[in-house]
PDB file of N, CA and C in Angstrom:
ATOM      1  N   MET A   1     -18.070  -1.470  19.773  1.00  0.00           N
ATOM      2  CA  MET A   1     -17.216  -1.263  20.746  1.00  0.00           C
ATOM      3  C   MET A   1     -16.074   0.069  20.119  1.00  0.00           C
ATOM      4  N   ALA A   2     -15.972  -0.070  18.809  1.00  0.00           N
ATOM      5  CA  ALA A   2     -15.086   1.187  18.317  1.00  0.00           C
ATOM      6  C   ALA A   2     -15.792   2.339  18.325  1.00  0.00           C
ATOM      7  N   ARG A   3     -17.063   2.507  18.498  1.00  0.00           N
ATOM      8  CA  ARG A   3     -17.630   3.824  18.563  1.00  0.00           C
ATOM      9  C   ARG A   3     -17.708   4.332  19.846  1.00  0.00           C
ATOM     10  N   VAL A   4     -17.672   3.430  20.782  1.00  0.00           N
ATOM     11  CA  VAL A   4     -17.350   3.956  22.612  1.00  0.00           C
ATOM     12  C   VAL A   4     -15.899   4.329  22.460  1.00  0.00           C
ATOM     13  N   ASP A   5     -15.083   3.765  21.603  1.00  0.00           N
ATOM     14  CA  ASP A   5     -13.478   4.170  21.860  1.00  0.00           C
ATOM     15  C   ASP A   5     -13.317   5.513  21.049  1.00  0.00           C
ATOM     16  N   SER A   6     -14.337   5.781  20.205  1.00  0.00           N
ATOM     17  CA  SER A   6     -13.923   6.998  19.355  1.00  0.00           C
ATOM     18  C   SER A   6     -14.370   8.115  20.414  1.00  0.00           C
ATOM     19  N   LEU A   7     -15.426   7.887  21.169  1.00  0.00           N
ATOM     20  CA  LEU A   7     -16.078   8.914  22.282  1.00  0.00           C
ATOM     21  C   LEU A   7     -14.953   8.991  23.339  1.00  0.00           C
ATOM     22  N   ILE A   8     -14.050   7.907  23.567  1.00  0.00           N
ATOM     23  CA  ILE A   8     -13.210   8.143  24.597  1.00  0.00           C
ATOM     24  C   ILE A   8     -11.972   8.764  24.036  1.00  0.00           C
ATOM     25  N   TRP A   9     -11.559   8.796  22.760  1.00  0.00           N
ATOM     26  CA  TRP A   9     -10.665   9.809  22.329  1.00  0.00           C
ATOM     27  C   TRP A   9     -11.278  11.128  22.491  1.00  0.00           C
ATOM     28  N   PHE A  10     -12.460  11.382  22.264  1.00  0.00           N
ATOM     29  CA  PHE A  10     -13.114  12.775  22.140  1.00  0.00           C
ATOM     30  C   PHE A  10     -13.102  13.010  23.905  1.00  0.00           C
ATOM     31  N   MET A  11     -13.292  12.303  24.732  1.00  0.00           N
ATOM     32  CA  MET A  11     -13.364  12.584  25.989  1.00  0.00           C
ATOM     33  C   MET A  11     -11.622  13.268  26.478  1.00  0.00           C
ATOM     34  N   ALA A  12     -10.690  12.284  25.958  1.00  0.00           N
ATOM     35  CA  ALA A  12      -9.351  12.612  26.460  1.00  0.00           C
ATOM     36  C   ALA A  12      -8.641  13.766  25.666  1.00  0.00           C
ATOM     37  N   GLY A  13      -9.516  14.054  24.430  1.00  0.00           N
ATOM     38  CA  GLY A  13      -9.046  15.407  23.751  1.00  0.00           C
ATOM     39  C   GLY A  13      -9.533  16.556  24.373  1.00  0.00           C
ATOM     40  N   PHE A  14     -10.879  16.611  24.718  1.00  0.00           N
ATOM     41  CA  PHE A  14     -11.428  17.806  25.431  1.00  0.00           C
ATOM     42  C   PHE A  14     -10.860  17.854  26.629  1.00  0.00           C
ATOM     43  N   ALA A  15     -10.399  16.817  27.509  1.00  0.00           N
ATOM     44  CA  ALA A  15      -9.706  17.193  28.723  1.00  0.00           C
ATOM     45  C   ALA A  15      -8.351  17.786  28.615  1.00  0.00           C
ATOM     46  N   GLN A  16      -7.565  17.236  27.477  1.00  0.00           N
ATOM     47  CA  GLN A  16      -6.340  17.814  27.192  1.00  0.00           C
ATOM     48  C   GLN A  16      -6.495  19.403  27.001  1.00  0.00           C
ATOM     49  N   LEU A  17      -7.595  19.761  26.053  1.00  0.00           N
ATOM     50  CA  LEU A  17      -7.841  20.927  25.527  1.00  0.00           C
ATOM     51  C   LEU A  17      -8.132  21.752  26.708  1.00  0.00           C
ATOM     52  N   PHE A  18      -8.987  21.080  27.630  1.00  0.00           N
ATOM     53  CA  PHE A  18      -9.559  22.537  28.695  1.00  0.00           C
ATOM     54  C   PHE A  18      -8.369  22.363  29.781  1.00  0.00           C
ATOM     55  N   VAL A  19      -7.476  21.307  30.061  1.00  0.00           N
ATOM     56  CA  VAL A  19      -6.223  21.333  30.979  1.00  0.00           C
ATOM     57  C   VAL A  19      -5.129  22.540  30.329  1.00  0.00           C
ATOM     58  N   GLY A  20      -4.957  22.321  28.921  1.00  0.00           N
ATOM     59  CA  GLY A  20      -4.125  22.949  28.217  1.00  0.00           C
ATOM     60  C   GLY A  20      -4.524  24.328  28.224  1.00  0.00           C
ATOM     61  N   SER A  21      -5.728  24.972  27.912  1.00  0.00           N
ATOM     62  CA  SER A  21      -6.340  26.471  28.063  1.00  0.00           C
ATOM     63  C   SER A  21      -6.074  27.057  29.174  1.00  0.00           C
ATOM     64  N   SER A  22      -6.243  26.012  30.080  1.00  0.00           N
ATOM     65  CA  SER A  22      -6.088  26.935  31.650  1.00  0.00           C
ATOM     66  C   SER A  22      -4.475  26.988  32.172  1.00  0.00           C
ATOM     67  N   LEU A  23      -3.647  26.282  31.561  1.00  0.00           N
ATOM     68  CA  LEU A  23      -2.356  26.810  31.674  1.00  0.00           C
ATOM     69  C   LEU A  23      -1.831  27.676  30.309  1.00  0.00           C
ATOM     70  N   GLU A  24      -2.106  29.036  30.834  1.00  0.00           N
ATOM     71  CA  GLU A  24      -1.876  29.842  29.664  1.00  0.00           C
ATOM     72  C   GLU A  24      -0.470  30.347  29.570  1.00  0.00           C
ATOM     73  N   ASP A  25       0.145  30.741  28.678  1.00  0.00           N
ATOM     74  CA  ASP A  25       1.593  31.075  28.584  1.00  0.00           C
ATOM     75  C   ASP A  25       2.798  30.270  28.981  1.00  0.00           C
ATOM     76  N   SER A  26       2.391  28.895  28.857  1.00  0.00           N
ATOM     77  CA  SER A  26       3.410  28.075  29.033  1.00  0.00           C
ATOM     78  C   SER A  26       3.423  26.957  28.085  1.00  0.00           C
ATOM     79  N   ILE A  27       4.550  26.315  27.818  1.00  0.00           N
ATOM     80  CA  ILE A  27       4.798  25.564  26.575  1.00  0.00           C
ATOM     81  C   ILE A  27       3.939  24.053  27.117  1.00  0.00           C
ATOM     82  N   LEU A  28       3.878  23.646  28.191  1.00  0.00           N
ATOM     83  CA  LEU A  28       2.942  22.589  28.489  1.00  0.00           C
ATOM     84  C   LEU A  28       1.618  22.906  28.008  1.00  0.00           C
ATOM     85  N   GLY A  29       1.162  23.941  28.196  1.00  0.00           N
ATOM     86  CA  GLY A  29      -0.351  24.342  27.812  1.00  0.00           C
ATOM     87  C   GLY A  29      -0.589  24.372  26.161  1.00  0.00           C
ATOM     88  N   LEU A  30       0.569  24.570  25.424  1.00  0.00           N
ATOM     89  CA  LEU A  30       0.520  24.569  24.103  1.00  0.00           C
ATOM     90  C   LEU A  30       0.543  23.254  23.557  1.00  0.00           C
ATOM     91  N   ILE A  31       1.450  22.420  24.115  1.00  0.00           N
ATOM     92  CA  ILE A  31       1.556  21.052  23.788  1.00  0.00           C
ATOM     93  C   ILE A  31       0.021  20.338  23.930  1.00  0.00           C
ATOM     94  N   LEU A  32      -0.285  20.580  25.463  1.00  0.00           N
ATOM     95  CA  LEU A  32      -1.834  19.837  25.618  1.00  0.00           C
ATOM     96  C   LEU A  32      -2.827  20.193  24.784  1.00  0.00           C
ATOM     97  N   GLU A  33      -2.586  21.395  24.338  1.00  0.00           N
ATOM     98  CA  GLU A  33      -3.774  22.019  23.243  1.00  0.00           C
ATOM     99  C   GLU A  33      -3.764  21.249  21.943  1.00  0.00           C
ATOM    100  N   ILE A  34      -2.297  21.141  21.476  1.00  0.00           N
ATOM    101  CA  ILE A  34      -2.103  20.789  20.528  1.00  0.00           C
ATOM    102  C   ILE A  34      -2.358  19.165  20.421  1.00  0.00           C
ATOM    103  N   THR A  35      -1.923  18.215  21.258  1.00  0.00           N
ATOM    104  CA  THR A  35      -2.178  17.158  21.501  1.00  0.00           C
ATOM    105  C   THR A  35      -3.926  16.560  21.620  1.00  0.00           C
ATOM    106  N   GLY A  36      -4.248  17.860  22.177  1.00  0.00           N
ATOM    107  CA  GLY A  36      -5.978  17.536  22.495  1.00  0.00           C
ATOM    108  C   GLY A  36      -6.743  17.687  21.598  1.00  0.00           C
ATOM    109  N   GLY A  37      -6.265  18.800  20.486  1.00  0.00           N
ATOM    110  CA  GLY A  37      -7.127  18.871  19.480  1.00  0.00           C
ATOM    111  C   GLY A  37      -6.799  17.659  18.440  1.00  0.00           C
ATOM    112  N   SER A  38      -5.696  16.977  18.327  1.00  0.00           N
ATOM    113  CA  SER A  38      -5.374  15.943  17.448  1.00  0.00           C
ATOM    114  C   SER A  38      -6.186  14.821  17.864  1.00  0.00           C
ATOM    115  N   SER A  39      -6.230  14.503  19.428  1.00  0.00           N
ATOM    116  CA  SER A  39      -7.081  13.289  19.734  1.00  0.00           C
ATOM    117  C   SER A  39      -8.749  13.511  19.471  1.00  0.00           C
ATOM    118  N   VAL A  40      -8.978  14.774  19.472  1.00  0.00           N
ATOM    119  CA  VAL A  40     -10.432  15.068  18.913  1.00  0.00           C
ATOM    120  C   VAL A  40     -10.713  14.714  17.638  1.00  0.00           C
ATOM    121  N   LEU A  41      -9.520  14.817  16.680  1.00  0.00           N
ATOM    122  CA  LEU A  41      -9.601  14.450  15.302  1.00  0.00           C
ATOM    123  C   LEU A  41      -9.543  13.072  15.214  1.00  0.00           C
ATOM    124  N   LEU A  42      -8.746  12.559  16.162  1.00  0.00           N
ATOM    125  CA  LEU A  42      -8.606  11.092  15.790  1.00  0.00           C
ATOM    126  C   LEU A  42      -9.932  10.525  16.255  1.00  0.00           C
ATOM    127  N   GLY A  43     -10.595  10.987  17.240  1.00  0.00           N
ATOM    128  CA  GLY A  43     -11.871  10.452  17.591  1.00  0.00           C
ATOM    129  C   GLY A  43     -12.895  10.674  16.436  1.00  0.00           C
ATOM    130  N   LEU A  44     -12.719  11.633  15.822  1.00  0.00           N
ATOM    131  CA  LEU A  44     -13.760  12.090  14.802  1.00  0.00           C
ATOM    132  C   LEU A  44     -13.523  11.008  13.631  1.00  0.00           C
ATOM    133  N   TYR A  45     -12.336  11.034  13.449  1.00  0.00           N
ATOM    134  CA  TYR A  45     -11.833   9.947  12.271  1.00  0.00           C
ATOM    135  C   TYR A  45     -12.477   8.624  12.493  1.00  0.00           C
ATOM    136  N   ALA A  46     -12.220   8.137  13.609  1.00  0.00           N
ATOM    137  CA  ALA A  46     -12.515   6.679  14.102  1.00  0.00           C
ATOM    138  C   ALA A  46     -13.978   6.578  14.096  1.00  0.00           C
ATOM    139  N   LEU A  47     -14.753   7.530  14.328  1.00  0.00           N
ATOM    140  CA  LEU A  47     -16.349   7.619  14.139  1.00  0.00           C
ATOM    141  C   LEU A  47     -16.655   7.748  12.990  1.00  0.00           C
ATOM    142  N   ILE A  48     -16.007   8.222  11.962  1.00  0.00           N
ATOM    143  CA  ILE A  48     -16.492   8.431  10.406  1.00  0.00           C
ATOM    144  C   ILE A  48     -16.188   6.993   9.942  1.00  0.00           C
ATOM    145  N   PHE A  49     -14.954   6.590  10.134  1.00  0.00           N
ATOM    146  CA  PHE A  49     -14.477   5.347   9.311  1.00  0.00           C
ATOM    147  C   PHE A  49     -15.356   4.123  10.003  1.00  0.00           C
ATOM    148  N   VAL A  50     -15.902   3.737  11.158  1.00  0.00           N
ATOM    149  CA  VAL A  50     -16.613   2.798  11.507  1.00  0.00           C
ATOM    150  C   VAL A  50     -17.799   2.859  11.141  1.00  0.00           C
ATOM    151  N   ALA A  51     -18.535   4.196  11.211  1.00  0.00           N
ATOM    152  CA  ALA A  51     -19.901   4.312  10.479  1.00  0.00           C
ATOM    153  C   ALA A  51     -19.661   4.248   9.019  1.00  0.00           C
ATOM    154  N   ARG A  52     -18.850   4.477   8.284  1.00  0.00           N
ATOM    155  CA  ARG A  52     -18.645   4.169   6.990  1.00  0.00           C
ATOM    156  C   ARG A  52     -18.183   2.593   6.354  1.00  0.00           C
ATOM    157  N   HIS A  53     -17.865   1.863   7.531  1.00  0.00           N
ATOM    158  CA  HIS A  53     -17.545   0.505   7.004  1.00  0.00           C
ATOM    159  C   HIS A  53     -18.143  -0.411   8.323  1.00  0.00           C
ATOM    160  N   HIS A  54     -19.435   0.067   8.564  1.00  0.00           N
ATOM    161  CA  HIS A  54     -20.124  -0.726   9.603  1.00  0.00           C
ATOM    162  C   HIS A  54     -20.384  -1.902   9.277  1.00  0.00           C
ATOM    163  N   LYS A  55     -20.728  -2.525   8.013  1.00  0.00           N
ATOM    164  CA  LYS A  55     -21.221  -3.694   7.787  1.00  0.00           C
ATOM    165  C   LYS A  55     -19.788  -4.622   7.654  1.00  0.00           C
ATOM    166  N   GLU A  56     -18.727  -4.074   7.263  1.00  0.00           N
ATOM    167  CA  GLU A  56     -17.578  -4.972   7.242  1.00  0.00           C
ATOM    168  C   GLU A  56     -17.261  -5.216   8.705  1.00  0.00           C
ATOM    169  N   PHE A  57     -17.202  -4.430   9.699  1.00  0.00           N
ATOM    170  CA  PHE A  57     -16.887  -4.738  10.943  1.00  0.00           C
ATOM    171  C   PHE A  57     -17.895  -5.519  11.507  1.00  0.00           C
ATOM    172  N   GLU A  58     -19.357  -5.434  11.448  1.00  0.00           N
ATOM    173  CA  GLU A  58     -20.224  -6.126  12.255  1.00  0.00           C
ATOM    174  C   GLU A  58     -20.037  -7.801  11.735  1.00  0.00           C
ATOM    175  N   GLU A  59     -19.726  -7.810  10.650  1.00  0.00           N
ATOM    176  CA  GLU A  59     -19.453  -9.558   9.837  1.00  0.00           C
ATOM    177  C   GLU A  59     -18.196 -10.132  10.434  1.00  0.00           C
ATOM    178  N   ALA A  60     -17.232  -9.043  10.893  1.00  0.00           N
ATOM    179  CA  ALA A  60     -15.941  -9.785  10.972  1.00  0.00           C
ATOM    180  C   ALA A  60     -15.709  -9.824  12.465  1.00  0.00           C
ATOM    181  N   TYR A  61     -16.500  -9.005  13.363  1.00  0.00           N
ATOM    182  CA  TYR A  61     -16.168  -8.659  14.775  1.00  0.00           C
ATOM    183  C   TYR A  61     -17.258  -9.476  15.676  1.00  0.00           C
ATOM    184  N   SER A  62     -16.689 -10.153  16.420  1.00  0.00           N
ATOM    185  CA  SER A  62     -17.589 -11.018  17.608  1.00  0.00           C
ATOM    186  C   SER A  62     -16.971 -10.791  18.942  1.00  0.00           C
ATOM    187  N   LYS A  63     -17.915 -10.429  19.441  1.00  0.00           N
ATOM    188  CA  LYS A  63     -17.344 -10.349  21.069  1.00  0.00           C
ATOM    189  C   LYS A  63     -17.625 -11.832  21.862  1.00  0.00           C
ATOM    190  N   LEU A  64     -16.536 -12.592  21.768  1.00  0.00           N
ATOM    191  CA  LEU A  64     -16.758 -13.754  22.018  1.00  0.00           C
ATOM    192  C   LEU A  64     -16.787 -13.928  23.645  1.00  0.00           C
ATOM    193  N   GLU A  65     -16.067 -12.605  24.473  1.00  0.00           N
ATOM    194  CA  GLU A  65     -16.182 -12.787  25.976  1.00  0.00           C
ATOM    195  C   GLU A  65     -17.376 -12.522  26.516  1.00  0.00           C
ATOM    196  N   LYS A  66     -18.537 -11.872  25.813  1.00  0.00           N
ATOM    197  CA  LYS A  66     -19.777 -11.862  26.191  1.00  0.00           C
ATOM    198  C   LYS A  66     -20.634 -12.905  25.696  1.00  0.00           C
ATOM    199  N   THR A  67     -20.524 -13.984  25.008  1.00  0.00           N
ATOM    200  CA  THR A  67     -21.042 -15.009  24.623  1.00  0.00           C
ATOM    201  C   THR A  67     -21.199 -16.277  25.363  1.00  0.00           C
ATOM    202  N   THR A  68     -22.203 -16.921  25.328  1.00  0.00           N
ATOM    203  CA  THR A  68     -22.177 -18.219  25.776  1.00  0.00           C
ATOM    204  C   THR A  68     -22.432 -19.369  24.745  1.00  0.00           C
ATOM    205  N   MET A  69     -21.633 -20.419  25.036  1.00  0.00           N
ATOM    206  CA  MET A  69     -21.690 -21.350  24.066  1.00  0.00           C
ATOM    207  C   MET A  69     -22.659 -22.586  24.380  1.00  0.00           C
ATOM    208  N   SER A  70     -23.582 -23.010  23.617  1.00  0.00           N
ATOM    209  CA  SER A  70     -24.654 -24.079  24.212  1.00  0.00           C
ATOM    210  C   SER A  70     -24.909 -25.027  22.785  1.00  0.00           C
ATOM    211  N   ARG A  71     -25.141 -26.418  22.846  1.00  0.00           N
ATOM    212  CA  ARG A  71     -25.556 -27.144  21.767  1.00  0.00           C
ATOM    213  C   ARG A  71     -26.847 -27.201  21.514  1.00  0.00           C
ATOM    214  N   ASP A  72     -27.291 -27.418  20.105  1.00  0.00           N
ATOM    215  CA  ASP A  72     -28.816 -27.563  19.942  1.00  0.00           C
ATOM    216  C   ASP A  72     -28.911 -29.070  20.024  1.00  0.00           C
ATOM    217  N   GLU A  73     -30.131 -29.565  19.623  1.00  0.00           N
ATOM    218  CA  GLU A  73     -30.463 -31.085  19.650  1.00  0.00           C
ATOM    219  C   GLU A  73     -29.862 -31.831  18.559  1.00  0.00           C
ATOM    220  N   GLN A  74     -29.047 -31.264  17.518  1.00  0.00           N
ATOM    221  CA  GLN A  74     -28.170 -32.042  16.642  1.00  0.00           C
ATOM    222  C   GLN A  74     -26.666 -32.000  16.888  1.00  0.00           C
ATOM    223  N   GLY A  75     -26.474 -31.297  18.123  1.00  0.00           N
ATOM    224  CA  GLY A  75     -25.045 -31.314  18.789  1.00  0.00           C
ATOM    225  C   GLY A  75     -24.073 -30.054  18.121  1.00  0.00           C
ATOM    226  N   ARG A  76     -24.739 -29.342  17.226  1.00  0.00           N
ATOM    227  CA  ARG A  76     -23.981 -27.930  16.757  1.00  0.00           C
ATOM    228  C   ARG A  76     -23.874 -27.164  17.789  1.00  0.00           C
ATOM    229  N   ILE A  77     -22.900 -26.273  17.774  1.00  0.00           N
ATOM    230  CA  ILE A  77     -22.533 -25.233  18.946  1.00  0.00           C
ATOM    231  C   ILE A  77     -22.860 -23.908  18.342  1.00  0.00           C
ATOM    232  N   HIS A  78     -23.784 -23.500  19.221  1.00  0.00           N
ATOM    233  CA  HIS A  78     -24.206 -22.023  18.912  1.00  0.00           C
ATOM    234  C   HIS A  78     -23.637 -20.916  19.998  1.00  0.00           C
ATOM    235  N   ARG A  79     -23.495 -19.895  19.370  1.00  0.00           N
ATOM    236  CA  ARG A  79     -22.911 -18.798  20.259  1.00  0.00           C
ATOM    237  C   ARG A  79     -24.234 -17.848  20.621  1.00  0.00           C
ATOM    238  N   ILE A  80     -24.499 -17.560  21.991  1.00  0.00           N
ATOM    239  CA  ILE A  80     -25.645 -16.925  22.362  1.00  0.00           C
ATOM    240  C   ILE A  80     -25.176 -15.721  23.126  1.00  0.00           C
ATOM    241  N   ASP A  81     -25.618 -14.588  22.719  1.00  0.00           N
ATOM    242  CA  ASP A  81     -25.190 -13.228  23.336  1.00  0.00           C
ATOM    243  C   ASP A  81     -26.356 -12.718  24.073  1.00  0.00           C
ATOM    244  N   ASP A  82     -26.058 -13.083  25.598  1.00  0.00           N
ATOM    245  CA  ASP A  82     -26.576 -12.877  26.801  1.00  0.00           C
ATOM    246  C   ASP A  82     -26.811 -11.670  27.347  1.00  0.00           C
ATOM    247  N   SER A  83     -26.098 -10.541  26.765  1.00  0.00           N
ATOM    248  CA  SER A  83     -26.047  -9.153  27.121  1.00  0.00           C
ATOM    249  C   SER A  83     -27.477  -8.136  27.043  1.00  0.00           C
ATOM    250  N   ASN A  84     -27.824  -7.744  27.871  1.00  0.00           N
ATOM    251  CA  ASN A  84     -29.164  -6.854  27.912  1.00  0.00           C
ATOM    252  C   ASN A  84     -28.803  -5.447  27.154  1.00  0.00           C
ATOM    253  N   GLN A  85     -30.024  -4.726  26.802  1.00  0.00           N
ATOM    254  CA  GLN A  85     -29.721  -3.498  26.228  1.00  0.00           C
ATOM    255  C   GLN A  85     -29.502  -2.498  27.270  1.00  0.00           C
ATOM    256  N   VAL A  86     -29.715  -2.618  28.552  1.00  0.00           N
ATOM    257  CA  VAL A  86     -29.581  -1.588  29.504  1.00  0.00           C
ATOM    258  C   VAL A  86     -27.973  -1.405  29.460  1.00  0.00           C
ATOM    259  N   LYS A  87     -27.177  -2.661  29.392  1.00  0.00           N
ATOM    260  CA  LYS A  87     -25.532  -2.380  29.432  1.00  0.00           C
ATOM    261  C   LYS A  87     -25.247  -1.748  28.285  1.00  0.00           C
ATOM    262  N   ARG A  88     -25.803  -2.240  27.120  1.00  0.00           N
ATOM    263  CA  ARG A  88     -25.336  -1.366  25.937  1.00  0.00           C
ATOM    264  C   ARG A  88     -25.508  -0.305  25.917  1.00  0.00           C
ATOM    265  N   VAL A  89     -26.926   0.337  26.466  1.00  0.00           N
ATOM    266  CA  VAL A  89     -27.043   1.826  26.659  1.00  0.00           C
ATOM    267  C   VAL A  89     -26.206   2.611  27.161  1.00  0.00           C
ATOM    268  N   VAL A  90     -25.665   1.956  28.386  1.00  0.00           N
ATOM    269  CA  VAL A  90     -24.910   2.665  29.572  1.00  0.00           C
ATOM    270  C   VAL A  90     -23.492   2.630  28.854  1.00  0.00           C
ATOM    271  N   TRP A  91     -23.221   1.784  27.901  1.00  0.00           N
ATOM    272  CA  TRP A  91     -21.700   1.888  27.409  1.00  0.00           C
ATOM    273  C   TRP A  91     -21.812   3.064  26.378  1.00  0.00           C
ATOM    274  N   TYR A  92     -22.898   3.504  25.845  1.00  0.00           N
ATOM    275  CA  TYR A  92     -22.711   4.430  24.935  1.00  0.00           C
ATOM    276  C   TYR A  92     -23.209   5.828  26.006  1.00  0.00           C
ATOM    277  N   ALA A  93     -24.224   5.817  26.838  1.00  0.00           N
ATOM    278  CA  ALA A  93     -24.381   7.028  27.169  1.00  0.00           C
ATOM    279  C   ALA A  93     -23.541   7.555  28.135  1.00  0.00           C
ATOM    280  N   VAL A  94     -22.745   6.892  28.885  1.00  0.00           N
ATOM    281  CA  VAL A  94     -21.825   7.467  29.933  1.00  0.00           C
ATOM    282  C   VAL A  94     -20.875   8.211  29.058  1.00  0.00           C
ATOM    283  N   PRO A  95     -20.149   7.573  28.283  1.00  0.00           N
ATOM    284  CA  PRO A  95     -19.040   8.599  27.185  1.00  0.00           C
ATOM    285  C   PRO A  95     -19.521   9.479  26.630  1.00  0.00           C
ATOM    286  N   ILE A  96     -21.012   9.622  26.152  1.00  0.00           N
ATOM    287  CA  ILE A  96     -21.622  10.848  25.419  1.00  0.00           C
ATOM    288  C   ILE A  96     -21.720  11.530  26.442  1.00  0.00           C
ATOM    289  N   ILE A  97     -22.225  11.527  27.628  1.00  0.00           N
ATOM    290  CA  ILE A  97     -22.603  12.663  28.669  1.00  0.00           C
ATOM    291  C   ILE A  97     -21.034  13.090  28.867  1.00  0.00           C
ATOM    292  N   LEU A  98     -20.165  12.214  29.403  1.00  0.00           N
ATOM    293  CA  LEU A  98     -18.822  12.892  29.915  1.00  0.00           C
ATOM    294  C   LEU A  98     -18.157  13.629  28.734  1.00  0.00           C
ATOM    295  N   THR A  99     -18.364  13.282  27.455  1.00  0.00           N
ATOM    296  CA  THR A  99     -17.795  13.815  26.184  1.00  0.00           C
ATOM    297  C   THR A  99     -18.623  15.357  26.051  1.00  0.00           C
ATOM    298  N   PHE A 100     -19.640  15.385  26.256  1.00  0.00           N
ATOM    299  CA  PHE A 100     -20.712  16.667  26.201  1.00  0.00           C
ATOM    300  C   PHE A 100     -20.271  17.566  27.179  1.00  0.00           C
ATOM    301  N   PHE A 101     -20.175  17.140  28.480  1.00  0.00           N
ATOM    302  CA  PHE A 101     -19.662  17.957  29.658  1.00  0.00           C
ATOM    303  C   PHE A 101     -18.225  18.340  29.364  1.00  0.00           C
ATOM    304  N   ALA A 102     -17.450  17.460  28.901  1.00  0.00           N
ATOM    305  CA  ALA A 102     -15.843  18.121  28.763  1.00  0.00           C
ATOM    306  C   ALA A 102     -15.886  19.200  27.664  1.00  0.00           C
ATOM    307  N   ALA A 103     -16.741  18.809  26.524  1.00  0.00           N
ATOM    308  CA  ALA A 103     -16.635  19.877  25.368  1.00  0.00           C
ATOM    309  C   ALA A 103     -17.296  21.364  25.912  1.00  0.00           C
ATOM    310  N   LEU A 104     -18.301  21.021  26.749  1.00  0.00           N
ATOM    311  CA  LEU A 104     -19.001  22.393  27.221  1.00  0.00           C
ATOM    312  C   LEU A 104     -18.064  23.170  28.031  1.00  0.00           C
ATOM    313  N   GLY A 105     -17.307  22.481  28.978  1.00  0.00           N
ATOM    314  CA  GLY A 105     -16.135  22.802  29.923  1.00  0.00           C
ATOM    315  C   GLY A 105     -15.100  23.434  29.338  1.00  0.00           C
ATOM    316  N   TRP A 106     -14.792  23.134  27.886  1.00  0.00           N
ATOM    317  CA  TRP A 106     -13.448  23.526  27.266  1.00  0.00           C
ATOM    318  C   TRP A 106     -14.300  24.942  26.684  1.00  0.00           C
ATOM    319  N   LEU A 107     -15.276  24.819  25.991  1.00  0.00           N
ATOM    320  CA  LEU A 107     -15.859  25.826  25.283  1.00  0.00           C
ATOM    321  C   LEU A 107     -16.398  27.112  26.370  1.00  0.00           C
ATOM    322  N   ALA A 108     -16.474  26.915  27.264  1.00  0.00           N
ATOM    323  CA  ALA A 108     -16.880  27.909  28.316  1.00  0.00           C
ATOM    324  C   ALA A 108     -15.661  28.639  28.977  1.00  0.00           C
ATOM    325  N   ASN A 109     -14.281  27.667  28.965  1.00  0.00           N
ATOM    326  CA  ASN A 109     -13.126  28.399  29.249  1.00  0.00           C
ATOM    327  C   ASN A 109     -12.546  29.269  28.096  1.00  0.00           C
TER     328      ASN A 109
END
């Protein structure tokens, strides 16, 4: 989920850059451009940090809200992740597409 969070930082940053660039010659536009640029950099940092430490996060992080608990024949409890691949792809595809359009809109402006 941290990679999707970095994409959300990208979307928020590009939206701020886009709005800030349309508000020319105002202090609000300058503030939005500065905070938008820092949000894009924060998204880049989160993406690089999670990619660098992926194995540490994968072992320590478990999405318990999306798992089902069941018992086997010996009575031991097991977690079963029943989320399908389509939902996982959508969680990544939608922010990537929106980030792409936001970056394109900002660059065209």
